[in-house]
Amino acid sequence: MSGRATVGVAAGLAAIAATAGLAFTHGSSASSTLGPEGVPIPTAPPLTRSTRPVGIGERVDGIACQAHEQVLFHIHAHLTIFVRGRARQVPAGIGIGAPYEVLETRAGAFVAGATCFMWLHTHSADGIIHTESPIRRTYTLGDFFDIWGQPLGPDRVGPARGRVAVFVAGRRYEGDPRSVPLLAHAQIQLDVGAPPVAPERIAFPPGL
């Protein structure tokens, strides 16, 4: 990892603060089904049904869409989103170029093949962000939202507007939501508006 990347990770982690004093509620994602990656999918609507179309050779934030998944640097993070206390799905197919080859498994749909794959993408609606890259680089939540084609900031997550509370590994993150690093097995939660929802955790299955 480069010195600049190391500094970026350190700065991001330093922005995580304790959550003492916050009055949490429990979100509605307790209603969920186990998806094809072995991770719960909220029984809830997607944050948005639109994703940015991507094509082979296209680049977003220096991240390319290539015909095959790149696995030199291969890690996974998990993203949970609540809007005014209610869960929203992170859609499948973000960062994947249509037409898709979709496997309809007993546990739900899984995007298995496509024209191209960005180095950050989602195969299922379970919130797992796949980092599959030919280079080692510290990617961020802002990179992922740019590939998704949705805005992200202190007062907005996609089409949802309101003050955004960010949690990483169950602790409050006080920096810009865009700067959250997508580290291996990072557990990231975005709460838009009130009430704040108690940070949720998943168990990463073997292989993720």
Protein backbone atom coordinates (compact mmCIF):
# COMPACT_ATOMS: atom_id res chain seq x y z
CA MET A 1 0.00 0.00 0.00
CA SER A 2 1.34 3.45 -0.87
CA GLY A 3 2.19 6.00 1.80
CA ARG A 4 -0.66 8.22 0.63
CA ALA A 5 -3.13 5.35 0.86
CA THR A 6 -1.89 4.50 4.35
CA VAL A 7 -2.36 8.10 5.47
CA GLY A 8 -5.86 8.07 3.98
CA VAL A 9 -6.84 4.97 5.89
CA ALA A 10 -5.41 6.34 9.12
CA ALA A 11 -7.31 9.60 8.68
CA GLY A 12 -10.51 7.71 7.99
CA LEU A 13 -10.17 5.48 11.02
CA ALA A 14 -9.29 8.43 13.22
CA ALA A 15 -12.68 9.97 12.39
CA ILE A 16 -14.52 7.13 14.14
CA ALA A 17 -15.85 8.30 17.51
CA ALA A 18 -17.72 6.59 20.35
CA THR A 19 -21.52 6.48 20.17
CA ALA A 20 -22.19 7.16 23.85
CA GLY A 21 -25.17 9.41 24.52
CA LEU A 22 -27.16 8.55 21.37
CA ALA A 23 -30.70 7.23 21.88
CA PHE A 24 -31.08 4.41 19.39
CA THR A 25 -34.14 2.65 18.09
CA HIS A 26 -34.15 -0.72 16.38
CA GLY A 27 -34.65 -0.58 12.62
CA SER A 28 -37.08 -2.47 10.46
CA SER A 29 -34.45 -4.65 8.81
CA ALA A 30 -35.07 -7.27 11.49
CA SER A 31 -37.43 -8.58 8.79
CA SER A 32 -35.06 -10.14 6.28
CA THR A 33 -34.33 -13.24 4.27
CA LEU A 34 -31.00 -14.97 3.80
CA GLY A 35 -29.72 -14.13 0.31
CA PRO A 36 -27.65 -16.11 -2.20
CA GLU A 37 -24.35 -14.92 -0.64
CA GLY A 38 -25.41 -16.12 2.82
CA VAL A 39 -26.08 -12.55 3.99
CA PRO A 40 -29.53 -11.24 5.05
CA ILE A 41 -31.47 -9.15 2.50
CA PRO A 42 -33.83 -6.63 4.13
CA THR A 43 -37.50 -7.17 3.37
CA ALA A 44 -37.71 -3.58 2.21
CA PRO A 45 -37.74 -1.49 -0.97
CA PRO A 46 -34.45 -0.49 -2.61
CA LEU A 47 -33.08 2.96 -1.84
CA THR A 48 -33.54 3.61 -5.56
CA ARG A 49 -34.28 1.37 -8.52
CA SER A 50 -31.99 3.33 -10.82
CA THR A 51 -28.28 2.57 -11.16
CA ARG A 52 -25.76 4.28 -13.37
CA PRO A 53 -25.37 2.36 -16.67
CA VAL A 54 -21.77 1.31 -17.22
CA GLY A 55 -20.06 -0.07 -20.31
CA ILE A 56 -16.85 -1.86 -21.06
CA GLY A 57 -13.83 0.44 -20.85
CA GLU A 58 -15.73 3.14 -18.93
CA ARG A 59 -14.00 4.70 -15.92
CA VAL A 60 -15.47 6.31 -12.81
CA ASP A 61 -13.06 7.84 -10.29
CA GLY A 62 -10.26 5.97 -12.05
CA ILE A 63 -12.11 2.66 -11.62
CA ALA A 64 -12.60 0.70 -14.84
CA CYS A 65 -15.33 -1.59 -16.16
CA GLN A 66 -13.60 -4.69 -17.50
CA ALA A 67 -14.85 -7.82 -19.21
CA HIS A 68 -13.74 -10.07 -16.37
CA GLU A 69 -13.66 -9.65 -12.60
CA GLN A 70 -10.20 -8.71 -11.33
CA VAL A 71 -9.12 -10.57 -8.21
CA LEU A 72 -5.57 -9.47 -7.46
CA PHE A 73 -7.09 -7.34 -4.67
CA HIS A 74 -10.31 -9.02 -3.54
CA ILE A 75 -12.16 -7.96 -0.37
CA HIS A 76 -15.75 -7.33 0.74
CA ALA A 77 -17.52 -4.71 2.85
CA HIS A 78 -21.16 -4.49 3.99
CA LEU A 79 -23.44 -1.45 3.67
CA THR A 80 -26.71 -0.98 5.57
CA ILE A 81 -29.01 1.99 4.90
CA PHE A 82 -31.92 3.31 6.97
CA VAL A 83 -34.17 6.21 5.99
CA ARG A 84 -36.11 7.64 8.93
CA GLY A 85 -35.72 4.36 10.78
CA ARG A 86 -36.76 2.11 7.92
CA ALA A 87 -34.41 -0.19 6.05
CA ARG A 88 -33.63 0.25 2.35
CA GLN A 89 -31.98 -2.30 0.09
CA VAL A 90 -28.74 -1.67 -1.76
CA PRO A 91 -29.67 -3.00 -5.23
CA ALA A 92 -27.95 -5.82 -7.07
CA GLY A 93 -26.12 -4.94 -10.28
CA ILE A 94 -24.43 -1.70 -9.18
CA GLY A 95 -21.22 -1.36 -11.20
CA ILE A 96 -22.14 -4.20 -13.56
CA GLY A 97 -22.70 -3.64 -17.27
CA ALA A 98 -25.96 -4.90 -18.78
CA PRO A 99 -27.17 -7.24 -20.12
CA TYR A 100 -26.91 -9.35 -17.01
CA GLU A 101 -26.78 -13.09 -16.57
CA VAL A 102 -28.96 -13.53 -13.49
CA LEU A 103 -29.08 -16.74 -11.50
CA GLU A 104 -32.45 -17.22 -9.81
CA THR A 105 -31.39 -19.21 -6.76
CA ARG A 106 -33.66 -20.49 -4.01
CA ALA A 107 -32.27 -17.67 -1.88
CA GLY A 108 -32.87 -14.94 -4.47
CA ALA A 109 -31.36 -13.35 -7.56
CA PHE A 110 -27.59 -13.22 -8.09
CA VAL A 111 -25.95 -11.31 -10.97
CA ALA A 112 -23.38 -13.83 -12.16
CA GLY A 113 -22.37 -12.57 -15.61
CA ALA A 114 -22.46 -9.35 -17.59
CA THR A 115 -20.77 -7.25 -20.25
CA CYS A 116 -18.30 -5.85 -17.71
CA PHE A 117 -17.63 -5.40 -14.01
CA MET A 118 -16.41 -2.24 -12.28
CA TRP A 119 -13.83 -2.91 -9.58
CA LEU A 120 -16.57 -2.06 -7.04
CA HIS A 121 -19.92 -3.77 -7.60
CA THR A 122 -22.86 -5.66 -6.06
CA HIS A 123 -24.06 -9.12 -7.10
CA SER A 124 -27.08 -9.26 -4.78
CA ALA A 125 -29.36 -6.93 -2.81
CA ASP A 126 -27.71 -7.91 0.49
CA GLY A 127 -25.47 -4.83 0.86
CA ILE A 128 -22.20 -6.68 0.13
CA ILE A 129 -19.84 -4.41 -1.81
CA HIS A 130 -17.36 -6.48 -3.79
CA THR A 131 -13.92 -4.96 -4.31
CA GLU A 132 -12.30 -6.94 -7.11
CA SER A 133 -9.41 -4.90 -8.42
CA PRO A 134 -6.20 -5.40 -10.43
CA ILE A 135 -4.42 -2.93 -8.12
CA ARG A 136 -4.20 -2.46 -4.36
CA ARG A 137 -5.91 0.80 -3.53
CA THR A 138 -7.98 2.20 -0.69
CA TYR A 139 -11.43 2.61 -2.21
CA THR A 140 -14.08 4.68 -0.46
CA LEU A 141 -17.83 4.79 -0.02
CA GLY A 142 -17.79 7.91 -2.23
CA ASP A 143 -16.24 5.85 -5.05
CA PHE A 144 -19.01 3.28 -4.69
CA PHE A 145 -21.80 5.90 -4.76
CA ASP A 146 -20.24 7.53 -7.83
CA ILE A 147 -20.35 4.16 -9.59
CA TRP A 148 -23.94 3.72 -8.37
CA GLY A 149 -24.71 7.15 -9.84
CA GLN A 150 -26.17 8.45 -6.57
CA PRO A 151 -25.21 11.48 -4.45
CA LEU A 152 -23.73 11.01 -0.99
CA GLY A 153 -23.00 13.68 1.59
CA PRO A 154 -23.71 14.86 5.16
CA ASP A 155 -27.35 15.61 4.27
CA ARG A 156 -28.15 13.17 1.47
CA VAL A 157 -27.95 9.49 0.58
CA GLY A 158 -29.20 8.94 -2.96
CA PRO A 159 -32.74 10.36 -3.21
CA ALA A 160 -33.14 10.46 0.59
CA ARG A 161 -32.54 13.84 2.22
CA GLY A 162 -31.87 14.56 5.87
CA ARG A 163 -29.01 14.61 8.34
CA VAL A 164 -26.85 11.54 7.79
CA ALA A 165 -25.40 9.60 10.72
CA VAL A 166 -22.57 7.26 9.73
CA PHE A 167 -21.46 4.21 11.71
CA VAL A 168 -18.43 2.02 11.02
CA ALA A 169 -18.02 -1.20 12.99
CA GLY A 170 -20.78 0.00 15.32
CA ARG A 171 -19.10 3.32 16.18
CA ARG A 172 -20.00 6.82 15.04
CA TYR A 173 -17.91 8.14 12.14
CA GLU A 174 -17.62 11.93 12.27
CA GLY A 175 -16.03 12.55 8.87
CA ASP A 176 -17.53 13.03 5.41
CA PRO A 177 -19.56 9.91 4.49
CA ARG A 178 -17.74 9.84 1.15
CA SER A 179 -14.41 9.31 2.89
CA VAL A 180 -15.34 6.05 4.65
CA PRO A 181 -12.75 3.47 3.53
CA LEU A 182 -14.02 0.18 2.10
CA LEU A 183 -11.73 -2.06 4.13
CA ALA A 184 -11.97 -5.84 4.35
CA HIS A 185 -15.13 -6.81 6.26
CA ALA A 186 -15.98 -3.17 6.98
CA GLN A 187 -19.50 -2.84 8.41
CA ILE A 188 -20.93 0.52 7.38
CA GLN A 189 -24.34 1.95 8.25
CA LEU A 190 -25.96 5.14 7.00
CA ASP A 191 -28.97 6.54 8.90
CA VAL A 192 -30.83 9.32 7.10
CA GLY A 193 -32.99 11.46 9.40
CA ALA A 194 -34.46 10.52 12.76
CA PRO A 195 -34.60 8.25 14.63
CA PRO A 196 -31.05 6.88 14.66
CA VAL A 197 -31.02 3.10 14.38
CA ALA A 198 -28.82 0.88 16.52
CA PRO A 199 -25.86 -0.19 14.35
CA GLU A 200 -26.40 -3.58 12.78
CA ARG A 201 -23.76 -6.25 12.24
CA ILE A 202 -23.65 -9.28 9.97
CA ALA A 203 -21.55 -12.42 10.07
CA PHE A 204 -19.48 -12.68 6.91
CA PRO A 205 -19.85 -16.23 5.60
CA PRO A 206 -16.76 -18.24 4.62
CA GLY A 207 -15.50 -17.02 1.24
CA LEU A 208 -16.65 -13.42 1.70
